[in-house]
mmCIF file of all heavy atoms, coordinates in Angstrom:
data_MODEL
# 
_entry.id   MODEL 
# 
loop_
_atom_site.group_PDB 
_atom_site.id 
_atom_site.type_symbol 
_atom_site.label_atom_id 
_atom_site.label_alt_id 
_atom_site.label_comp_id 
_atom_site.label_asym_id 
_atom_site.label_entity_id 
_atom_site.label_seq_id 
_atom_site.pdbx_PDB_ins_code 
_atom_site.Cartn_x 
_atom_site.Cartn_y 
_atom_site.Cartn_z 
_atom_site.occupancy 
_atom_site.B_iso_or_equiv 
_atom_site.pdbx_formal_charge 
_atom_site.auth_seq_id 
_atom_site.auth_comp_id 
_atom_site.auth_asym_id 
_atom_site.auth_atom_id 
_atom_site.pdbx_PDB_model_num 
ATOM 1   N N   . ALA A 1 1  ? 17.182 55.527 244.544 1.00 0.00 ? 1  ALA A N   1 
ATOM 2   C CA  . ALA A 1 1  ? 16.166 56.485 244.975 1.00 0.00 ? 1  ALA A CA  1 
ATOM 3   C C   . ALA A 1 1  ? 15.558 56.085 246.209 1.00 0.00 ? 1  ALA A C   1 
ATOM 4   O O   . ALA A 1 1  ? 15.130 56.827 247.181 1.00 0.00 ? 1  ALA A O   1 
ATOM 5   C CB  . ALA A 1 1  ? 14.973 56.569 243.847 1.00 0.00 ? 1  ALA A CB  1 
ATOM 6   N N   . THR A 1 2  ? 15.395 54.651 246.450 1.00 0.00 ? 2  THR A N   1 
ATOM 7   C CA  . THR A 1 2  ? 15.039 54.077 247.574 1.00 0.00 ? 2  THR A CA  1 
ATOM 8   C C   . THR A 1 2  ? 15.944 52.899 247.737 1.00 0.00 ? 2  THR A C   1 
ATOM 9   O O   . THR A 1 2  ? 16.583 52.568 246.725 1.00 0.00 ? 2  THR A O   1 
ATOM 10  C CB  . THR A 1 2  ? 13.529 53.728 247.751 1.00 0.00 ? 2  THR A CB  1 
ATOM 11  O OG1 . THR A 1 2  ? 13.327 52.556 246.761 1.00 0.00 ? 2  THR A OG1 1 
ATOM 12  C CG2 . THR A 1 2  ? 12.604 54.819 247.363 1.00 0.00 ? 2  THR A CG2 1 
ATOM 13  N N   . PRO A 1 3  ? 15.962 52.167 248.885 1.00 0.00 ? 3  PRO A N   1 
ATOM 14  C CA  . PRO A 1 3  ? 16.723 51.001 248.880 1.00 0.00 ? 3  PRO A CA  1 
ATOM 15  C C   . PRO A 1 3  ? 16.535 49.889 247.811 1.00 0.00 ? 3  PRO A C   1 
ATOM 16  O O   . PRO A 1 3  ? 17.427 49.002 247.533 1.00 0.00 ? 3  PRO A O   1 
ATOM 17  C CB  . PRO A 1 3  ? 16.557 50.267 250.273 1.00 0.00 ? 3  PRO A CB  1 
ATOM 18  C CG  . PRO A 1 3  ? 16.122 51.456 251.106 1.00 0.00 ? 3  PRO A CG  1 
ATOM 19  C CD  . PRO A 1 3  ? 15.386 52.398 250.190 1.00 0.00 ? 3  PRO A CD  1 
ATOM 20  N N   . SER A 1 4  ? 15.335 49.989 247.331 1.00 0.00 ? 4  SER A N   1 
ATOM 21  C CA  . SER A 1 4  ? 15.085 48.930 246.201 1.00 0.00 ? 4  SER A CA  1 
ATOM 22  C C   . SER A 1 4  ? 14.463 49.494 244.883 1.00 0.00 ? 4  SER A C   1 
ATOM 23  O O   . SER A 1 4  ? 13.745 48.924 244.110 1.00 0.00 ? 4  SER A O   1 
ATOM 24  C CB  . SER A 1 4  ? 14.062 47.879 246.613 1.00 0.00 ? 4  SER A CB  1 
ATOM 25  O OG  . SER A 1 4  ? 12.808 48.611 247.133 1.00 0.00 ? 4  SER A OG  1 
ATOM 26  N N   . HIS A 1 5  ? 14.967 50.756 244.681 1.00 0.00 ? 5  HIS A N   1 
ATOM 27  C CA  . HIS A 1 5  ? 14.516 51.548 243.500 1.00 0.00 ? 5  HIS A CA  1 
ATOM 28  C C   . HIS A 1 5  ? 15.682 52.341 242.955 1.00 0.00 ? 5  HIS A C   1 
ATOM 29  O O   . HIS A 1 5  ? 16.176 53.198 243.613 1.00 0.00 ? 5  HIS A O   1 
ATOM 30  C CB  . HIS A 1 5  ? 13.422 52.517 243.882 1.00 0.00 ? 5  HIS A CB  1 
ATOM 31  C CG  . HIS A 1 5  ? 12.845 53.301 242.779 1.00 0.00 ? 5  HIS A CG  1 
ATOM 32  N ND1 . HIS A 1 5  ? 11.488 53.805 242.822 1.00 0.00 ? 5  HIS A ND1 1 
ATOM 33  C CD2 . HIS A 1 5  ? 13.272 53.588 241.424 1.00 0.00 ? 5  HIS A CD2 1 
ATOM 34  C CE1 . HIS A 1 5  ? 11.288 54.425 241.617 1.00 0.00 ? 5  HIS A CE1 1 
ATOM 35  N NE2 . HIS A 1 5  ? 12.217 54.258 240.871 1.00 0.00 ? 5  HIS A NE2 1 
ATOM 36  N N   . LEU A 1 6  ? 16.253 51.905 241.785 1.00 0.00 ? 6  LEU A N   1 
ATOM 37  C CA  . LEU A 1 6  ? 17.451 52.520 241.300 1.00 0.00 ? 6  LEU A CA  1 
ATOM 38  C C   . LEU A 1 6  ? 17.102 53.323 239.997 1.00 0.00 ? 6  LEU A C   1 
ATOM 39  O O   . LEU A 1 6  ? 16.281 52.857 239.226 1.00 0.00 ? 6  LEU A O   1 
ATOM 40  C CB  . LEU A 1 6  ? 18.559 51.424 240.932 1.00 0.00 ? 6  LEU A CB  1 
ATOM 41  C CG  . LEU A 1 6  ? 18.752 50.315 242.005 1.00 0.00 ? 6  LEU A CG  1 
ATOM 42  C CD1 . LEU A 1 6  ? 19.792 49.409 241.343 1.00 0.00 ? 6  LEU A CD1 1 
ATOM 43  C CD2 . LEU A 1 6  ? 19.276 50.846 243.252 1.00 0.00 ? 6  LEU A CD2 1 
ATOM 44  N N   . ARG A 1 7  ? 17.843 54.411 239.731 1.00 0.00 ? 7  ARG A N   1 
ATOM 45  C CA  . ARG A 1 7  ? 17.786 55.173 238.687 1.00 0.00 ? 7  ARG A CA  1 
ATOM 46  C C   . ARG A 1 7  ? 19.111 55.309 238.008 1.00 0.00 ? 7  ARG A C   1 
ATOM 47  O O   . ARG A 1 7  ? 20.142 55.401 238.673 1.00 0.00 ? 7  ARG A O   1 
ATOM 48  C CB  . ARG A 1 7  ? 17.135 56.473 238.974 1.00 0.00 ? 7  ARG A CB  1 
ATOM 49  C CG  . ARG A 1 7  ? 15.665 56.624 239.416 1.00 0.00 ? 7  ARG A CG  1 
ATOM 50  C CD  . ARG A 1 7  ? 15.175 57.917 239.540 1.00 0.00 ? 7  ARG A CD  1 
ATOM 51  N NE  . ARG A 1 7  ? 13.799 57.904 239.937 1.00 0.00 ? 7  ARG A NE  1 
ATOM 52  C CZ  . ARG A 1 7  ? 12.756 57.760 239.175 1.00 0.00 ? 7  ARG A CZ  1 
ATOM 53  N NH1 . ARG A 1 7  ? 13.021 57.694 237.880 1.00 0.00 ? 7  ARG A NH1 1 
ATOM 54  N NH2 . ARG A 1 7  ? 11.502 57.789 239.570 1.00 0.00 ? 7  ARG A NH2 1 
ATOM 55  N N   . HIS A 1 8  ? 19.056 55.450 236.621 1.00 0.00 ? 8  HIS A N   1 
ATOM 56  C CA  . HIS A 1 8  ? 20.274 55.541 235.849 1.00 0.00 ? 8  HIS A CA  1 
ATOM 57  C C   . HIS A 1 8  ? 20.103 56.937 234.992 1.00 0.00 ? 8  HIS A C   1 
ATOM 58  O O   . HIS A 1 8  ? 19.099 57.321 234.736 1.00 0.00 ? 8  HIS A O   1 
ATOM 59  C CB  . HIS A 1 8  ? 20.459 54.443 234.857 1.00 0.00 ? 8  HIS A CB  1 
ATOM 60  C CG  . HIS A 1 8  ? 21.823 54.279 234.139 1.00 0.00 ? 8  HIS A CG  1 
ATOM 61  N ND1 . HIS A 1 8  ? 22.086 54.883 233.090 1.00 0.00 ? 8  HIS A ND1 1 
ATOM 62  C CD2 . HIS A 1 8  ? 22.904 53.700 234.659 1.00 0.00 ? 8  HIS A CD2 1 
ATOM 63  C CE1 . HIS A 1 8  ? 23.421 54.592 232.658 1.00 0.00 ? 8  HIS A CE1 1 
ATOM 64  N NE2 . HIS A 1 8  ? 23.974 53.969 233.661 1.00 0.00 ? 8  HIS A NE2 1 
ATOM 65  N N   . PRO A 1 9  ? 21.324 57.607 234.810 1.00 0.00 ? 9  PRO A N   1 
ATOM 66  C CA  . PRO A 1 9  ? 21.268 58.965 234.046 1.00 0.00 ? 9  PRO A CA  1 
ATOM 67  C C   . PRO A 1 9  ? 20.601 58.754 232.695 1.00 0.00 ? 9  PRO A C   1 
ATOM 68  O O   . PRO A 1 9  ? 20.121 59.794 232.083 1.00 0.00 ? 9  PRO A O   1 
ATOM 69  C CB  . PRO A 1 9  ? 22.730 59.257 234.025 1.00 0.00 ? 9  PRO A CB  1 
ATOM 70  C CG  . PRO A 1 9  ? 23.407 58.557 235.092 1.00 0.00 ? 9  PRO A CG  1 
ATOM 71  C CD  . PRO A 1 9  ? 22.731 57.389 235.290 1.00 0.00 ? 9  PRO A CD  1 
ATOM 72  N N   . THR A 1 10 ? 20.487 57.571 232.031 1.00 0.00 ? 10 THR A N   1 
ATOM 73  C CA  . THR A 1 10 ? 19.967 57.464 230.814 1.00 0.00 ? 10 THR A CA  1 
ATOM 74  C C   . THR A 1 10 ? 18.474 57.420 230.886 1.00 0.00 ? 10 THR A C   1 
ATOM 75  O O   . THR A 1 10 ? 17.710 57.447 229.770 1.00 0.00 ? 10 THR A O   1 
ATOM 76  C CB  . THR A 1 10 ? 20.404 56.076 230.168 1.00 0.00 ? 10 THR A CB  1 
ATOM 77  O OG1 . THR A 1 10 ? 20.120 54.952 231.025 1.00 0.00 ? 10 THR A OG1 1 
ATOM 78  C CG2 . THR A 1 10 ? 21.929 56.145 229.923 1.00 0.00 ? 10 THR A CG2 1 
ATOM 79  N N   . GLY A 1 11 ? 17.909 57.396 232.160 1.00 0.00 ? 11 GLY A N   1 
ATOM 80  C CA  . GLY A 1 11 ? 16.461 57.319 232.209 1.00 0.00 ? 11 GLY A CA  1 
ATOM 81  C C   . GLY A 1 11 ? 16.002 55.936 232.601 1.00 0.00 ? 11 GLY A C   1 
ATOM 82  O O   . GLY A 1 11 ? 14.850 55.778 232.967 1.00 0.00 ? 11 GLY A O   1 
ATOM 83  N N   . CYS A 1 12 ? 16.807 54.876 232.597 1.00 0.00 ? 12 CYS A N   1 
ATOM 84  C CA  . CYS A 1 12 ? 16.381 53.525 232.868 1.00 0.00 ? 12 CYS A CA  1 
ATOM 85  C C   . CYS A 1 12 ? 16.107 53.451 234.427 1.00 0.00 ? 12 CYS A C   1 
ATOM 86  O O   . CYS A 1 12 ? 16.763 54.147 235.367 1.00 0.00 ? 12 CYS A O   1 
ATOM 87  C CB  . CYS A 1 12 ? 17.551 52.563 232.636 1.00 0.00 ? 12 CYS A CB  1 
ATOM 88  S SG  . CYS A 1 12 ? 17.888 52.467 230.819 1.00 0.00 ? 12 CYS A SG  1 
ATOM 89  N N   . VAL A 1 13 ? 15.193 52.626 234.772 1.00 0.00 ? 13 VAL A N   1 
ATOM 90  C CA  . VAL A 1 13 ? 14.767 52.485 236.137 1.00 0.00 ? 13 VAL A CA  1 
ATOM 91  C C   . VAL A 1 13 ? 14.670 50.853 236.412 1.00 0.00 ? 13 VAL A C   1 
ATOM 92  O O   . VAL A 1 13 ? 14.370 50.081 235.595 1.00 0.00 ? 13 VAL A O   1 
ATOM 93  C CB  . VAL A 1 13 ? 13.400 53.034 236.330 1.00 0.00 ? 13 VAL A CB  1 
ATOM 94  C CG1 . VAL A 1 13 ? 12.894 52.639 237.760 1.00 0.00 ? 13 VAL A CG1 1 
ATOM 95  C CG2 . VAL A 1 13 ? 13.448 54.541 236.261 1.00 0.00 ? 13 VAL A CG2 1 
ATOM 96  N N   . LEU A 1 14 ? 15.041 50.642 237.671 1.00 0.00 ? 14 LEU A N   1 
ATOM 97  C CA  . LEU A 1 14 ? 15.191 49.184 238.221 1.00 0.00 ? 14 LEU A CA  1 
ATOM 98  C C   . LEU A 1 14 ? 14.534 49.190 239.582 1.00 0.00 ? 14 LEU A C   1 
ATOM 99  O O   . LEU A 1 14 ? 15.006 49.805 240.402 1.00 0.00 ? 14 LEU A O   1 
ATOM 100 C CB  . LEU A 1 14 ? 16.589 48.629 238.157 1.00 0.00 ? 14 LEU A CB  1 
ATOM 101 C CG  . LEU A 1 14 ? 16.845 47.223 238.813 1.00 0.00 ? 14 LEU A CG  1 
ATOM 102 C CD1 . LEU A 1 14 ? 16.035 46.218 237.926 1.00 0.00 ? 14 LEU A CD1 1 
ATOM 103 C CD2 . LEU A 1 14 ? 18.280 46.915 238.742 1.00 0.00 ? 14 LEU A CD2 1 
ATOM 104 N N   . GLN A 1 15 ? 13.571 48.431 239.689 1.00 0.00 ? 15 GLN A N   1 
ATOM 105 C CA  . GLN A 1 15 ? 12.852 48.371 240.930 1.00 0.00 ? 15 GLN A CA  1 
ATOM 106 C C   . GLN A 1 15 ? 12.677 46.881 241.470 1.00 0.00 ? 15 GLN A C   1 
ATOM 107 O O   . GLN A 1 15 ? 12.768 46.031 240.706 1.00 0.00 ? 15 GLN A O   1 
ATOM 108 C CB  . GLN A 1 15 ? 11.479 48.959 240.854 1.00 0.00 ? 15 GLN A CB  1 
ATOM 109 C CG  . GLN A 1 15 ? 11.279 50.456 240.475 1.00 0.00 ? 15 GLN A CG  1 
ATOM 110 C CD  . GLN A 1 15 ? 9.911  50.900 240.428 1.00 0.00 ? 15 GLN A CD  1 
ATOM 111 O OE1 . GLN A 1 15 ? 9.300  50.706 241.404 1.00 0.00 ? 15 GLN A OE1 1 
ATOM 112 N NE2 . GLN A 1 15 ? 9.494  51.398 239.334 1.00 0.00 ? 15 GLN A NE2 1 
ATOM 113 N N   . GLY A 1 16 ? 12.486 46.773 242.750 1.00 0.00 ? 16 GLY A N   1 
ATOM 114 C CA  . GLY A 1 16 ? 12.204 45.472 243.376 1.00 0.00 ? 16 GLY A CA  1 
ATOM 115 C C   . GLY A 1 16 ? 11.028 45.517 244.224 1.00 0.00 ? 16 GLY A C   1 
ATOM 116 O O   . GLY A 1 16 ? 10.769 46.457 244.827 1.00 0.00 ? 16 GLY A O   1 
ATOM 117 N N   . HIS A 1 17 ? 10.254 44.481 244.173 1.00 0.00 ? 17 HIS A N   1 
ATOM 118 C CA  . HIS A 1 17 ? 8.964  44.305 245.074 1.00 0.00 ? 17 HIS A CA  1 
ATOM 119 C C   . HIS A 1 17 ? 8.983  42.786 245.338 1.00 0.00 ? 17 HIS A C   1 
ATOM 120 O O   . HIS A 1 17 ? 9.241  41.855 244.735 1.00 0.00 ? 17 HIS A O   1 
ATOM 121 C CB  . HIS A 1 17 ? 7.771  44.629 244.292 1.00 0.00 ? 17 HIS A CB  1 
ATOM 122 C CG  . HIS A 1 17 ? 7.603  46.137 244.021 1.00 0.00 ? 17 HIS A CG  1 
ATOM 123 N ND1 . HIS A 1 17 ? 7.062  46.981 245.112 1.00 0.00 ? 17 HIS A ND1 1 
ATOM 124 C CD2 . HIS A 1 17 ? 7.899  46.931 243.025 1.00 0.00 ? 17 HIS A CD2 1 
ATOM 125 C CE1 . HIS A 1 17 ? 7.040  48.166 244.640 1.00 0.00 ? 17 HIS A CE1 1 
ATOM 126 N NE2 . HIS A 1 17 ? 7.530  48.244 243.503 1.00 0.00 ? 17 HIS A NE2 1 
ATOM 127 N N   . ASP A 1 18 ? 8.485  42.513 246.716 1.00 0.00 ? 18 ASP A N   1 
ATOM 128 C CA  . ASP A 1 18 ? 8.352  41.135 246.999 1.00 0.00 ? 18 ASP A CA  1 
ATOM 129 C C   . ASP A 1 18 ? 6.774  41.085 247.337 1.00 0.00 ? 18 ASP A C   1 
ATOM 130 O O   . ASP A 1 18 ? 6.153  41.928 247.718 1.00 0.00 ? 18 ASP A O   1 
ATOM 131 C CB  . ASP A 1 18 ? 9.194  40.796 248.196 1.00 0.00 ? 18 ASP A CB  1 
ATOM 132 C CG  . ASP A 1 18 ? 9.064  41.592 249.433 1.00 0.00 ? 18 ASP A CG  1 
ATOM 133 O OD1 . ASP A 1 18 ? 8.172  42.515 249.440 1.00 0.00 ? 18 ASP A OD1 1 
ATOM 134 O OD2 . ASP A 1 18 ? 9.829  41.327 250.356 1.00 0.00 ? 18 ASP A OD2 1 
ATOM 135 N N   . PHE A 1 19 ? 6.245  39.855 247.174 1.00 0.00 ? 19 PHE A N   1 
ATOM 136 C CA  . PHE A 1 19 ? 4.899  39.632 247.181 1.00 0.00 ? 19 PHE A CA  1 
ATOM 137 C C   . PHE A 1 19 ? 4.680  38.316 248.013 1.00 0.00 ? 19 PHE A C   1 
ATOM 138 O O   . PHE A 1 19 ? 5.541  37.385 248.036 1.00 0.00 ? 19 PHE A O   1 
ATOM 139 C CB  . PHE A 1 19 ? 4.217  39.526 245.937 1.00 0.00 ? 19 PHE A CB  1 
ATOM 140 C CG  . PHE A 1 19 ? 4.191  40.696 245.165 1.00 0.00 ? 19 PHE A CG  1 
ATOM 141 C CD1 . PHE A 1 19 ? 5.163  41.032 244.286 1.00 0.00 ? 19 PHE A CD1 1 
ATOM 142 C CD2 . PHE A 1 19 ? 3.264  41.744 245.227 1.00 0.00 ? 19 PHE A CD2 1 
ATOM 143 C CE1 . PHE A 1 19 ? 5.180  42.156 243.441 1.00 0.00 ? 19 PHE A CE1 1 
ATOM 144 C CE2 . PHE A 1 19 ? 3.243  42.886 244.402 1.00 0.00 ? 19 PHE A CE2 1 
ATOM 145 C CZ  . PHE A 1 19 ? 4.239  43.073 243.644 1.00 0.00 ? 19 PHE A CZ  1 
ATOM 146 N N   . ASP A 1 20 ? 3.555  38.178 248.667 1.00 0.00 ? 20 ASP A N   1 
ATOM 147 C CA  . ASP A 1 20 ? 3.251  36.978 249.370 1.00 0.00 ? 20 ASP A CA  1 
ATOM 148 C C   . ASP A 1 20 ? 2.649  35.883 248.403 1.00 0.00 ? 20 ASP A C   1 
ATOM 149 O O   . ASP A 1 20 ? 1.388  36.127 248.074 1.00 0.00 ? 20 ASP A O   1 
ATOM 150 C CB  . ASP A 1 20 ? 2.159  37.305 250.535 1.00 0.00 ? 20 ASP A CB  1 
ATOM 151 C CG  . ASP A 1 20 ? 1.939  36.059 251.317 1.00 0.00 ? 20 ASP A CG  1 
ATOM 152 O OD1 . ASP A 1 20 ? 2.682  35.082 251.276 1.00 0.00 ? 20 ASP A OD1 1 
ATOM 153 O OD2 . ASP A 1 20 ? 0.881  36.163 252.116 1.00 0.00 ? 20 ASP A OD2 1 
ATOM 154 N N   . LEU A 1 21 ? 3.645  35.090 247.902 1.00 0.00 ? 21 LEU A N   1 
ATOM 155 C CA  . LEU A 1 21 ? 3.188  34.191 246.756 1.00 0.00 ? 21 LEU A CA  1 
ATOM 156 C C   . LEU A 1 21 ? 3.253  32.701 247.369 1.00 0.00 ? 21 LEU A C   1 
ATOM 157 O O   . LEU A 1 21 ? 4.160  32.396 247.963 1.00 0.00 ? 21 LEU A O   1 
ATOM 158 C CB  . LEU A 1 21 ? 4.136  34.336 245.671 1.00 0.00 ? 21 LEU A CB  1 
ATOM 159 C CG  . LEU A 1 21 ? 4.181  35.733 245.083 1.00 0.00 ? 21 LEU A CG  1 
ATOM 160 C CD1 . LEU A 1 21 ? 5.231  35.794 243.967 1.00 0.00 ? 21 LEU A CD1 1 
ATOM 161 C CD2 . LEU A 1 21 ? 2.780  36.237 244.540 1.00 0.00 ? 21 LEU A CD2 1 
ATOM 162 N N   . PRO A 1 22 ? 2.438  31.794 246.848 1.00 0.00 ? 22 PRO A N   1 
ATOM 163 C CA  . PRO A 1 22 ? 2.528  30.394 247.244 1.00 0.00 ? 22 PRO A CA  1 
ATOM 164 C C   . PRO A 1 22 ? 3.642  29.695 246.498 1.00 0.00 ? 22 PRO A C   1 
ATOM 165 O O   . PRO A 1 22 ? 4.081  30.161 245.360 1.00 0.00 ? 22 PRO A O   1 
ATOM 166 C CB  . PRO A 1 22 ? 1.085  29.830 246.806 1.00 0.00 ? 22 PRO A CB  1 
ATOM 167 C CG  . PRO A 1 22 ? 0.679  30.774 245.698 1.00 0.00 ? 22 PRO A CG  1 
ATOM 168 C CD  . PRO A 1 22 ? 1.172  32.088 246.069 1.00 0.00 ? 22 PRO A CD  1 
ATOM 169 N N   . PRO A 1 23 ? 4.329  28.821 247.246 1.00 0.00 ? 23 PRO A N   1 
ATOM 170 C CA  . PRO A 1 23 ? 5.507  28.120 246.582 1.00 0.00 ? 23 PRO A CA  1 
ATOM 171 C C   . PRO A 1 23 ? 5.060  27.136 245.480 1.00 0.00 ? 23 PRO A C   1 
ATOM 172 O O   . PRO A 1 23 ? 5.132  25.870 245.669 1.00 0.00 ? 23 PRO A O   1 
ATOM 173 C CB  . PRO A 1 23 ? 6.176  27.427 247.777 1.00 0.00 ? 23 PRO A CB  1 
ATOM 174 C CG  . PRO A 1 23 ? 5.050  27.238 248.777 1.00 0.00 ? 23 PRO A CG  1 
ATOM 175 C CD  . PRO A 1 23 ? 4.078  28.299 248.458 1.00 0.00 ? 23 PRO A CD  1 
ATOM 176 N N   . LEU A 1 24 ? 4.769  27.636 244.370 1.00 0.00 ? 24 LEU A N   1 
ATOM 177 C CA  . LEU A 1 24 ? 4.370  26.704 243.279 1.00 0.00 ? 24 LEU A CA  1 
ATOM 178 C C   . LEU A 1 24 ? 5.224  26.885 242.037 1.00 0.00 ? 24 LEU A C   1 
ATOM 179 O O   . LEU A 1 24 ? 5.854  27.865 241.785 1.00 0.00 ? 24 LEU A O   1 
ATOM 180 C CB  . LEU A 1 24 ? 2.902  27.070 242.834 1.00 0.00 ? 24 LEU A CB  1 
ATOM 181 C CG  . LEU A 1 24 ? 1.686  26.761 243.871 1.00 0.00 ? 24 LEU A CG  1 
ATOM 182 C CD1 . LEU A 1 24 ? 0.453  27.403 243.344 1.00 0.00 ? 24 LEU A CD1 1 
ATOM 183 C CD2 . LEU A 1 24 ? 1.544  25.211 244.110 1.00 0.00 ? 24 LEU A CD2 1 
ATOM 184 N N   . ALA A 1 25 ? 5.466  25.759 241.232 1.00 0.00 ? 25 ALA A N   1 
ATOM 185 C CA  . ALA A 1 25 ? 6.122  25.725 240.187 1.00 0.00 ? 25 ALA A CA  1 
ATOM 186 C C   . ALA A 1 25 ? 5.388  25.081 238.959 1.00 0.00 ? 25 ALA A C   1 
ATOM 187 O O   . ALA A 1 25 ? 4.928  23.811 239.171 1.00 0.00 ? 25 ALA A O   1 
ATOM 188 C CB  . ALA A 1 25 ? 7.502  25.106 240.191 1.00 0.00 ? 25 ALA A CB  1 
# 
């Protein structure tokens, strides 16, 4: 649907987002 937004005929959706996050574990 977009470069980081996928759709499947069954209705499933897979998206990706990146965020500005501190490098903590």
